[in-house]
PDB file of all heavy atoms in Angstrom:
ATOM      1  N   VAL A   1      70.373 -15.359  81.372  1.00  0.00           N
ATOM      2  CA  VAL A   1      68.996 -15.081  80.967  1.00  0.00           C
ATOM      3  C   VAL A   1      68.408 -16.295  80.260  1.00  0.00           C
ATOM      4  O   VAL A   1      69.082 -16.944  79.443  1.00  0.00           O
ATOM      5  CB  VAL A   1      68.964 -13.852  80.025  1.00  0.00           C
ATOM      6  CG1 VAL A   1      67.582 -13.671  79.407  1.00  0.00           C
ATOM      7  CG2 VAL A   1      69.380 -12.605  80.784  1.00  0.00           C
ATOM      8  N   ASP A   2      67.149 -16.599  80.545  1.00  0.00           N
ATOM      9  CA  ASP A   2      66.460 -17.713  79.892  1.00  0.00           C
ATOM     10  C   ASP A   2      65.725 -17.240  78.645  1.00  0.00           C
ATOM     11  O   ASP A   2      65.250 -16.100  78.571  1.00  0.00           O
ATOM     12  CB  ASP A   2      65.438 -18.348  80.846  1.00  0.00           C
ATOM     13  CG  ASP A   2      66.095 -19.035  82.028  1.00  0.00           C
ATOM     14  OD1 ASP A   2      67.224 -19.544  81.852  1.00  0.00           O
ATOM     15  OD2 ASP A   2      65.492 -19.050  83.116  1.00  0.00           O
ATOM     16  N   VAL A   3      65.601 -18.150  77.682  1.00  0.00           N
ATOM     17  CA  VAL A   3      64.781 -17.894  76.499  1.00  0.00           C
ATOM     18  C   VAL A   3      63.326 -18.160  76.838  1.00  0.00           C
ATOM     19  O   VAL A   3      62.982 -19.214  77.389  1.00  0.00           O
ATOM     20  CB  VAL A   3      65.223 -18.781  75.323  1.00  0.00           C
ATOM     21  CG1 VAL A   3      64.234 -18.683  74.168  1.00  0.00           C
ATOM     22  CG2 VAL A   3      66.616 -18.377  74.859  1.00  0.00           C
ATOM     23  N   ALA A   4      62.452 -17.201  76.549  1.00  0.00           N
ATOM     24  CA  ALA A   4      61.030 -17.346  76.843  1.00  0.00           C
ATOM     25  C   ALA A   4      60.254 -17.960  75.690  1.00  0.00           C
ATOM     26  O   ALA A   4      59.087 -18.322  75.842  1.00  0.00           O
ATOM     27  CB  ALA A   4      60.432 -15.985  77.190  1.00  0.00           C
ATOM     28  N   GLY A   5      60.888 -18.081  74.539  1.00  0.00           N
ATOM     29  CA  GLY A   5      60.209 -18.629  73.363  1.00  0.00           C
ATOM     30  C   GLY A   5      60.585 -17.835  72.132  1.00  0.00           C
ATOM     31  O   GLY A   5      61.310 -16.836  72.205  1.00  0.00           O
ATOM     32  N   SER A   6      60.104 -18.278  71.007  1.00  0.00           N
ATOM     33  CA  SER A   6      60.398 -17.584  69.749  1.00  0.00           C
ATOM     34  C   SER A   6      59.120 -17.476  68.927  1.00  0.00           C
ATOM     35  O   SER A   6      58.100 -18.094  69.249  1.00  0.00           O
ATOM     36  CB  SER A   6      61.488 -18.318  68.965  1.00  0.00           C
ATOM     37  OG  SER A   6      61.124 -19.655  68.722  1.00  0.00           O
ATOM     38  N   GLU A   7      59.182 -16.693  67.852  1.00  0.00           N
ATOM     39  CA  GLU A   7      58.008 -16.491  67.012  1.00  0.00           C
ATOM     40  C   GLU A   7      58.436 -16.202  65.584  1.00  0.00           C
ATOM     41  O   GLU A   7      59.534 -15.690  65.338  1.00  0.00           O
ATOM     42  CB  GLU A   7      57.152 -15.337  67.540  1.00  0.00           C
ATOM     43  CG  GLU A   7      57.879 -14.005  67.583  1.00  0.00           C
ATOM     44  CD  GLU A   7      57.093 -12.906  68.289  1.00  0.00           C
ATOM     45  OE1 GLU A   7      56.228 -13.236  69.118  1.00  0.00           O
ATOM     46  OE2 GLU A   7      57.343 -11.715  68.001  1.00  0.00           O
ATOM     47  N   ILE A   8      57.575 -16.554  64.660  1.00  0.00           N
ATOM     48  CA  ILE A   8      57.774 -16.242  63.252  1.00  0.00           C
ATOM     49  C   ILE A   8      56.672 -15.280  62.835  1.00  0.00           C
ATOM     50  O   ILE A   8      55.488 -15.516  63.113  1.00  0.00           O
ATOM     51  CB  ILE A   8      57.747 -17.516  62.387  1.00  0.00           C
ATOM     52  CG1 ILE A   8      59.026 -18.329  62.624  1.00  0.00           C
ATOM     53  CG2 ILE A   8      57.606 -17.167  60.898  1.00  0.00           C
ATOM     54  CD1 ILE A   8      59.046 -19.671  61.926  1.00  0.00           C
ATOM     55  N   ILE A   9      57.048 -14.181  62.196  1.00  0.00           N
ATOM     56  CA  ILE A   9      56.083 -13.195  61.723  1.00  0.00           C
ATOM     57  C   ILE A   9      55.875 -13.421  60.233  1.00  0.00           C
ATOM     58  O   ILE A   9      56.825 -13.444  59.450  1.00  0.00           O
ATOM     59  CB  ILE A   9      56.589 -11.763  61.961  1.00  0.00           C
ATOM     60  CG1 ILE A   9      56.943 -11.560  63.443  1.00  0.00           C
ATOM     61  CG2 ILE A   9      55.549 -10.757  61.504  1.00  0.00           C
ATOM     62  CD1 ILE A   9      55.798 -11.784  64.392  1.00  0.00           C
ATOM     63  N   GLY A  10      54.617 -13.596  59.839  1.00  0.00           N
ATOM     64  CA  GLY A  10      54.329 -13.844  58.434  1.00  0.00           C
ATOM     65  C   GLY A  10      54.526 -15.304  58.066  1.00  0.00           C
ATOM     66  O   GLY A  10      54.391 -16.195  58.909  1.00  0.00           O
ATOM     67  N   LEU A  11      54.867 -15.543  56.803  1.00  0.00           N
ATOM     68  CA  LEU A  11      54.997 -16.898  56.291  1.00  0.00           C
ATOM     69  C   LEU A  11      56.434 -17.397  56.387  1.00  0.00           C
ATOM     70  O   LEU A  11      57.379 -16.611  56.451  1.00  0.00           O
ATOM     71  CB  LEU A  11      54.536 -16.960  54.827  1.00  0.00           C
ATOM     72  CG  LEU A  11      53.121 -16.460  54.533  1.00  0.00           C
ATOM     73  CD1 LEU A  11      52.761 -16.722  53.074  1.00  0.00           C
ATOM     74  CD2 LEU A  11      52.098 -17.102  55.460  1.00  0.00           C
ATOM     75  N   VAL A  12      56.593 -18.714  56.378  1.00  0.00           N
ATOM     76  CA  VAL A  12      57.912 -19.335  56.416  1.00  0.00           C
ATOM     77  C   VAL A  12      57.967 -20.417  55.340  1.00  0.00           C
ATOM     78  O   VAL A  12      57.009 -21.185  55.168  1.00  0.00           O
ATOM     79  CB  VAL A  12      58.201 -19.930  57.818  1.00  0.00           C
ATOM     80  CG1 VAL A  12      57.150 -20.954  58.218  1.00  0.00           C
ATOM     81  CG2 VAL A  12      59.592 -20.543  57.868  1.00  0.00           C
ATOM     82  N   PRO A  13      59.043 -20.506  54.575  1.00  0.00           N
ATOM     83  CA  PRO A  13      59.148 -21.560  53.561  1.00  0.00           C
ATOM     84  C   PRO A  13      59.165 -22.941  54.199  1.00  0.00           C
ATOM     85  O   PRO A  13      59.801 -23.152  55.243  1.00  0.00           O
ATOM     86  CB  PRO A  13      60.490 -21.252  52.871  1.00  0.00           C
ATOM     87  CG  PRO A  13      60.765 -19.816  53.160  1.00  0.00           C
ATOM     88  CD  PRO A  13      60.177 -19.572  54.523  1.00  0.00           C
ATOM     89  N   LEU A  14      58.481 -23.886  53.565  1.00  0.00           N
ATOM     90  CA  LEU A  14      58.455 -25.255  54.060  1.00  0.00           C
ATOM     91  C   LEU A  14      59.863 -25.827  54.174  1.00  0.00           C
ATOM     92  O   LEU A  14      60.180 -26.560  55.112  1.00  0.00           O
ATOM     93  CB  LEU A  14      57.606 -26.126  53.118  1.00  0.00           C
ATOM     94  CG  LEU A  14      57.502 -27.612  53.465  1.00  0.00           C
ATOM     95  CD1 LEU A  14      56.898 -27.819  54.847  1.00  0.00           C
ATOM     96  CD2 LEU A  14      56.663 -28.332  52.406  1.00  0.00           C
ATOM     97  N   GLU A  15      60.713 -25.464  53.239  1.00  0.00           N
ATOM     98  CA  GLU A  15      62.086 -25.971  53.252  1.00  0.00           C
ATOM     99  C   GLU A  15      62.810 -25.604  54.543  1.00  0.00           C
ATOM    100  O   GLU A  15      63.614 -26.382  55.066  1.00  0.00           O
ATOM    101  CB  GLU A  15      62.857 -25.419  52.045  1.00  0.00           C
ATOM    102  CG  GLU A  15      64.267 -25.955  51.908  1.00  0.00           C
ATOM    103  CD  GLU A  15      65.000 -25.373  50.717  1.00  0.00           C
ATOM    104  OE1 GLU A  15      64.353 -24.744  49.854  1.00  0.00           O
ATOM    105  OE2 GLU A  15      66.232 -25.541  50.653  1.00  0.00           O
ATOM    106  N   ALA A  16      62.526 -24.406  55.081  1.00  0.00           N
ATOM    107  CA  ALA A  16      63.181 -23.974  56.318  1.00  0.00           C
ATOM    108  C   ALA A  16      62.761 -24.852  57.496  1.00  0.00           C
ATOM    109  O   ALA A  16      63.563 -25.141  58.388  1.00  0.00           O
ATOM    110  CB  ALA A  16      62.849 -22.515  56.605  1.00  0.00           C
ATOM    111  N   LEU A  17      61.503 -25.300  57.502  1.00  0.00           N
ATOM    112  CA  LEU A  17      61.028 -26.169  58.582  1.00  0.00           C
ATOM    113  C   LEU A  17      61.528 -27.597  58.413  1.00  0.00           C
ATOM    114  O   LEU A  17      61.821 -28.279  59.399  1.00  0.00           O
ATOM    115  CB  LEU A  17      59.498 -26.138  58.615  1.00  0.00           C
ATOM    116  CG  LEU A  17      58.881 -24.761  58.854  1.00  0.00           C
ATOM    117  CD1 LEU A  17      57.357 -24.859  58.899  1.00  0.00           C
ATOM    118  CD2 LEU A  17      59.408 -24.136  60.140  1.00  0.00           C
ATOM    119  N   VAL A  18      61.638 -28.040  57.177  1.00  0.00           N
ATOM    120  CA  VAL A  18      62.199 -29.374  56.921  1.00  0.00           C
ATOM    121  C   VAL A  18      63.661 -29.401  57.365  1.00  0.00           C
ATOM    122  O   VAL A  18      64.129 -30.398  57.935  1.00  0.00           O
ATOM    123  CB  VAL A  18      62.063 -29.750  55.433  1.00  0.00           C
ATOM    124  CG1 VAL A  18      62.872 -31.012  55.108  1.00  0.00           C
ATOM    125  CG2 VAL A  18      60.595 -29.979  55.086  1.00  0.00           C
ATOM    126  N   ASP A  19      64.377 -28.317  57.143  1.00  0.00           N
ATOM    127  CA  ASP A  19      65.765 -28.226  57.617  1.00  0.00           C
ATOM    128  C   ASP A  19      65.838 -28.430  59.130  1.00  0.00           C
ATOM    129  O   ASP A  19      66.745 -29.105  59.640  1.00  0.00           O
ATOM    130  CB  ASP A  19      66.356 -26.860  57.260  1.00  0.00           C
ATOM    131  CG  ASP A  19      66.677 -26.719  55.782  1.00  0.00           C
ATOM    132  OD1 ASP A  19      66.652 -27.746  55.075  1.00  0.00           O
ATOM    133  OD2 ASP A  19      66.933 -25.582  55.343  1.00  0.00           O
ATOM    134  N   LEU A  20      64.888 -27.848  59.861  1.00  0.00           N
ATOM    135  CA  LEU A  20      64.848 -28.019  61.313  1.00  0.00           C
ATOM    136  C   LEU A  20      64.625 -29.481  61.684  1.00  0.00           C
ATOM    137  O   LEU A  20      65.297 -30.022  62.566  1.00  0.00           O
ATOM    138  CB  LEU A  20      63.720 -27.169  61.910  1.00  0.00           C
ATOM    139  CG  LEU A  20      63.923 -25.653  61.975  1.00  0.00           C
ATOM    140  CD1 LEU A  20      62.658 -24.992  62.492  1.00  0.00           C
ATOM    141  CD2 LEU A  20      65.093 -25.309  62.867  1.00  0.00           C
ATOM    142  N   ALA A  21      63.667 -30.111  61.012  1.00  0.00           N
ATOM    143  CA  ALA A  21      63.351 -31.509  61.308  1.00  0.00           C
ATOM    144  C   ALA A  21      64.544 -32.425  61.023  1.00  0.00           C
ATOM    145  O   ALA A  21      64.770 -33.410  61.738  1.00  0.00           O
ATOM    146  CB  ALA A  21      62.140 -31.958  60.505  1.00  0.00           C
ATOM    147  N   GLN A  22      65.305 -32.104  59.980  1.00  0.00           N
ATOM    148  CA  GLN A  22      66.469 -32.912  59.649  1.00  0.00           C
ATOM    149  C   GLN A  22      67.428 -33.008  60.832  1.00  0.00           C
ATOM    150  O   GLN A  22      67.956 -34.080  61.137  1.00  0.00           O
ATOM    151  CB  GLN A  22      67.196 -32.315  58.442  1.00  0.00           C
ATOM    152  CG  GLN A  22      66.473 -32.490  57.126  1.00  0.00           C
ATOM    153  CD  GLN A  22      67.190 -31.767  55.997  1.00  0.00           C
ATOM    154  OE1 GLN A  22      67.944 -30.829  56.221  1.00  0.00           O
ATOM    155  NE2 GLN A  22      66.937 -32.195  54.769  1.00  0.00           N
ATOM    156  N   VAL A  23      67.638 -31.872  61.500  1.00  0.00           N
ATOM    157  CA  VAL A  23      68.599 -31.830  62.599  1.00  0.00           C
ATOM    158  C   VAL A  23      67.972 -32.277  63.919  1.00  0.00           C
ATOM    159  O   VAL A  23      68.499 -33.146  64.617  1.00  0.00           O
ATOM    160  CB  VAL A  23      69.180 -30.406  62.748  1.00  0.00           C
ATOM    161  CG1 VAL A  23      70.140 -30.347  63.932  1.00  0.00           C
ATOM    162  CG2 VAL A  23      69.878 -29.985  61.465  1.00  0.00           C
ATOM    163  N   VAL A  24      66.829 -31.681  64.278  1.00  0.00           N
ATOM    164  CA  VAL A  24      66.217 -31.942  65.577  1.00  0.00           C
ATOM    165  C   VAL A  24      65.758 -33.395  65.706  1.00  0.00           C
ATOM    166  O   VAL A  24      65.917 -34.022  66.750  1.00  0.00           O
ATOM    167  CB  VAL A  24      65.036 -30.982  65.811  1.00  0.00           C
ATOM    168  CG1 VAL A  24      64.325 -31.315  67.117  1.00  0.00           C
ATOM    169  CG2 VAL A  24      65.545 -29.543  65.849  1.00  0.00           C
ATOM    170  N   LEU A  25      65.185 -33.943  64.631  1.00  0.00           N
ATOM    171  CA  LEU A  25      64.697 -35.320  64.658  1.00  0.00           C
ATOM    172  C   LEU A  25      65.731 -36.325  64.171  1.00  0.00           C
ATOM    173  O   LEU A  25      65.480 -37.524  64.178  1.00  0.00           O
ATOM    174  CB  LEU A  25      63.423 -35.435  63.814  1.00  0.00           C
ATOM    175  CG  LEU A  25      62.240 -34.569  64.249  1.00  0.00           C
ATOM    176  CD1 LEU A  25      61.052 -34.773  63.323  1.00  0.00           C
ATOM    177  CD2 LEU A  25      61.846 -34.865  65.690  1.00  0.00           C
ATOM    178  N   GLY A  26      66.873 -35.825  63.714  1.00  0.00           N
ATOM    179  CA  GLY A  26      67.924 -36.727  63.254  1.00  0.00           C
ATOM    180  C   GLY A  26      67.562 -37.443  61.970  1.00  0.00           C
ATOM    181  O   GLY A  26      67.809 -38.647  61.816  1.00  0.00           O
ATOM    182  N   ILE A  27      66.938 -36.721  61.027  1.00  0.00           N
ATOM    183  CA  ILE A  27      66.554 -37.317  59.737  1.00  0.00           C
ATOM    184  C   ILE A  27      67.258 -36.524  58.632  1.00  0.00           C
ATOM    185  O   ILE A  27      66.647 -35.684  57.956  1.00  0.00           O
ATOM    186  CB  ILE A  27      65.027 -37.267  59.523  1.00  0.00           C
ATOM    187  CG1 ILE A  27      64.276 -37.715  60.771  1.00  0.00           C
ATOM    188  CG2 ILE A  27      64.626 -38.140  58.326  1.00  0.00           C
ATOM    189  CD1 ILE A  27      62.781 -37.529  60.679  1.00  0.00           C
ATOM    190  N   PRO A  28      68.548 -36.745  58.436  1.00  0.00           N
ATOM    191  CA  PRO A  28      69.302 -35.902  57.495  1.00  0.00           C
ATOM    192  C   PRO A  28      68.827 -35.988  56.049  1.00  0.00           C
ATOM    193  O   PRO A  28      69.064 -35.070  55.268  1.00  0.00           O
ATOM    194  CB  PRO A  28      70.740 -36.421  57.638  1.00  0.00           C
ATOM    195  CG  PRO A  28      70.596 -37.804  58.180  1.00  0.00           C
ATOM    196  CD  PRO A  28      69.399 -37.770  59.065  1.00  0.00           C
ATOM    197  N   ASP A  29      68.154 -37.061  55.688  1.00  0.00           N
ATOM    198  CA  ASP A  29      67.716 -37.226  54.300  1.00  0.00           C
ATOM    199  C   ASP A  29      66.267 -36.800  54.060  1.00  0.00           C
ATOM    200  O   ASP A  29      65.725 -37.001  52.974  1.00  0.00           O
ATOM    201  CB  ASP A  29      67.887 -38.693  53.860  1.00  0.00           C
ATOM    202  CG  ASP A  29      69.349 -39.134  53.853  1.00  0.00           C
ATOM    203  OD1 ASP A  29      70.204 -38.277  53.543  1.00  0.00           O
ATOM    204  OD2 ASP A  29      69.618 -40.296  54.172  1.00  0.00           O
ATOM    205  N   LEU A  30      65.626 -36.207  55.080  1.00  0.00           N
ATOM    206  CA  LEU A  30      64.250 -35.751  54.913  1.00  0.00           C
ATOM    207  C   LEU A  30      64.182 -34.686  53.820  1.00  0.00           C
ATOM    208  O   LEU A  30      64.995 -33.776  53.770  1.00  0.00           O
ATOM    209  CB  LEU A  30      63.723 -35.178  56.228  1.00  0.00           C
ATOM    210  CG  LEU A  30      62.257 -34.729  56.225  1.00  0.00           C
ATOM    211  CD1 LEU A  30      61.327 -35.915  56.048  1.00  0.00           C
ATOM    212  CD2 LEU A  30      61.937 -33.984  57.519  1.00  0.00           C
ATOM    213  N   ARG A  31      63.170 -34.814  52.935  1.00  0.00           N
ATOM    214  CA  ARG A  31      63.026 -33.888  51.816  1.00  0.00           C
ATOM    215  C   ARG A  31      61.641 -33.244  51.836  1.00  0.00           C
ATOM    216  O   ARG A  31      60.681 -33.826  52.362  1.00  0.00           O
ATOM    217  CB  ARG A  31      63.215 -34.620  50.479  1.00  0.00           C
ATOM    218  CG  ARG A  31      64.515 -35.373  50.359  1.00  0.00           C
ATOM    219  CD  ARG A  31      64.640 -36.042  48.996  1.00  0.00           C
ATOM    220  NE  ARG A  31      63.495 -36.892  48.668  1.00  0.00           N
ATOM    221  CZ  ARG A  31      63.331 -38.140  49.099  1.00  0.00           C
ATOM    222  NH1 ARG A  31      64.235 -38.683  49.894  1.00  0.00           N
ATOM    223  NH2 ARG A  31      62.267 -38.841  48.741  1.00  0.00           N
ATOM    224  N   VAL A  32      61.545 -32.060  51.258  1.00  0.00           N
ATOM    225  CA  VAL A  32      60.257 -31.383  51.138  1.00  0.00           C
ATOM    226  C   VAL A  32      59.260 -32.259  50.390  1.00  0.00           C
ATOM    227  O   VAL A  32      58.063 -32.273  50.702  1.00  0.00           O
ATOM    228  CB  VAL A  32      60.432 -30.026  50.420  1.00  0.00           C
ATOM    229  CG1 VAL A  32      59.069 -29.410  50.096  1.00  0.00           C
ATOM    230  CG2 VAL A  32      61.245 -29.056  51.269  1.00  0.00           C
ATOM    231  N   SER A  33      59.739 -32.998  49.414  1.00  0.00           N
ATOM    232  CA  SER A  33      58.853 -33.856  48.614  1.00  0.00           C
ATOM    233  C   SER A  33      58.222 -34.970  49.426  1.00  0.00           C
ATOM    234  O   SER A  33      57.294 -35.635  48.959  1.00  0.00           O
ATOM    235  CB  SER A  33      59.624 -34.453  47.431  1.00  0.00           C
ATOM    236  OG  SER A  33      60.704 -35.252  47.883  1.00  0.00           O
ATOM    237  N   GLN A  34      58.672 -35.198  50.673  1.00  0.00           N
ATOM    238  CA  GLN A  34      58.064 -36.211  51.543  1.00  0.00           C
ATOM    239  C   GLN A  34      56.930 -35.642  52.390  1.00  0.00           C
ATOM    240  O   GLN A  34      56.288 -36.382  53.131  1.00  0.00           O
ATOM    241  CB  GLN A  34      59.136 -36.814  52.463  1.00  0.00           C
ATOM    242  CG  GLN A  34      60.141 -37.690  51.731  1.00  0.00           C
ATOM    243  CD  GLN A  34      61.209 -38.224  52.673  1.00  0.00           C
ATOM    244  OE1 GLN A  34      62.262 -37.635  52.828  1.00  0.00           O
ATOM    245  NE2 GLN A  34      60.912 -39.345  53.322  1.00  0.00           N
ATOM    246  N   VAL A  35      56.684 -34.359  52.270  1.00  0.00           N
ATOM    247  CA  VAL A  35      55.597 -33.716  53.005  1.00  0.00           C
ATOM    248  C   VAL A  35      54.321 -33.804  52.171  1.00  0.00           C
ATOM    249  O   VAL A  35      54.300 -33.382  51.013  1.00  0.00           O
ATOM    250  CB  VAL A  35      55.931 -32.248  53.313  1.00  0.00           C
ATOM    251  CG1 VAL A  35      54.774 -31.573  54.038  1.00  0.00           C
ATOM    252  CG2 VAL A  35      57.216 -32.154  54.129  1.00  0.00           C
ATOM    253  N   VAL A  36      53.252 -34.355  52.738  1.00  0.00           N
ATOM    254  CA  VAL A  36      52.010 -34.591  51.994  1.00  0.00           C
ATOM    255  C   VAL A  36      51.484 -33.299  51.377  1.00  0.00           C
ATOM    256  O   VAL A  36      51.119 -33.243  50.198  1.00  0.00           O
ATOM    257  CB  VAL A  36      50.940 -35.213  52.918  1.00  0.00           C
ATOM    258  CG1 VAL A  36      49.604 -35.290  52.192  1.00  0.00           C
ATOM    259  CG2 VAL A  36      51.366 -36.598  53.371  1.00  0.00           C
ATOM    260  N   GLU A  37      51.448 -32.237  52.178  1.00  0.00           N
ATOM    261  CA  GLU A  37      50.875 -30.975  51.700  1.00  0.00           C
ATOM    262  C   GLU A  37      51.622 -30.410  50.498  1.00  0.00           C
ATOM    263  O   GLU A  37      51.058 -29.667  49.706  1.00  0.00           O
ATOM    264  CB  GLU A  37      50.864 -29.957  52.835  1.00  0.00           C
ATOM    265  CG  GLU A  37      49.781 -30.207  53.890  1.00  0.00           C
ATOM    266  CD  GLU A  37      50.158 -31.309  54.871  1.00  0.00           C
ATOM    267  OE1 GLU A  37      51.304 -31.820  54.778  1.00  0.00           O
ATOM    268  OE2 GLU A  37      49.326 -31.668  55.714  1.00  0.00           O
ATOM    269  N   HIS A  38      52.879 -30.750  50.354  1.00  0.00           N
ATOM    270  CA  HIS A  38      53.656 -30.296  49.201  1.00  0.00           C
ATOM    271  C   HIS A  38      53.019 -30.792  47.904  1.00  0.00           C
ATOM    272  O   HIS A  38      52.965 -30.070  46.904  1.00  0.00           O
ATOM    273  CB  HIS A  38      55.100 -30.804  49.316  1.00  0.00           C
ATOM    274  CG  HIS A  38      55.916 -30.612  48.077  1.00  0.00           C
ATOM    275  ND1 HIS A  38      56.389 -29.376  47.670  1.00  0.00           N
ATOM    276  CD2 HIS A  38      56.333 -31.499  47.131  1.00  0.00           C
ATOM    277  CE1 HIS A  38      57.075 -29.516  46.569  1.00  0.00           C
ATOM    278  NE2 HIS A  38      57.060 -30.777  46.213  1.00  0.00           N
ATOM    279  N   HIS A  39      52.501 -32.013  47.928  1.00  0.00           N
ATOM    280  CA  HIS A  39      51.902 -32.591  46.727  1.00  0.00           C
ATOM    281  C   HIS A  39      50.458 -32.126  46.526  1.00  0.00           C
ATOM    282  O   HIS A  39      49.942 -32.157  45.407  1.00  0.00           O
ATOM    283  CB  HIS A  39      51.953 -34.116  46.803  1.00  0.00           C
ATOM    284  CG  HIS A  39      53.344 -34.654  46.825  1.00  0.00           C
ATOM    285  ND1 HIS A  39      54.099 -34.821  45.697  1.00  0.00           N
ATOM    286  CD2 HIS A  39      54.141 -35.035  47.864  1.00  0.00           C
ATOM    287  CE1 HIS A  39      55.296 -35.290  46.017  1.00  0.00           C
ATOM    288  NE2 HIS A  39      55.342 -35.432  47.319  1.00  0.00           N
ATOM    289  N   LEU A  40      49.817 -31.697  47.587  1.00  0.00           N
ATOM    290  CA  LEU A  40      48.429 -31.265  47.488  1.00  0.00           C
ATOM    291  C   LEU A  40      48.282 -29.784  47.140  1.00  0.00           C
ATOM    292  O   LEU A  40      47.198 -29.341  46.792  1.00  0.00           O
ATOM    293  CB  LEU A  40      47.714 -31.531  48.816  1.00  0.00           C
ATOM    294  CG  LEU A  40      47.683 -32.984  49.301  1.00  0.00           C
ATOM    295  CD1 LEU A  40      46.953 -33.070  50.640  1.00  0.00           C
ATOM    296  CD2 LEU A  40      47.021 -33.888  48.274  1.00  0.00           C
TER     297      LEU A  40
END
């Protein structure tokens, strides 16, 4: 069976998305504090 896609219901913590970027983009040292919106 193929995956048709995924979805998130409601809100998601920024940290959870940064964790994804660390692995998928190969940036193990990426931190939430490097996200512009975190400071704004």
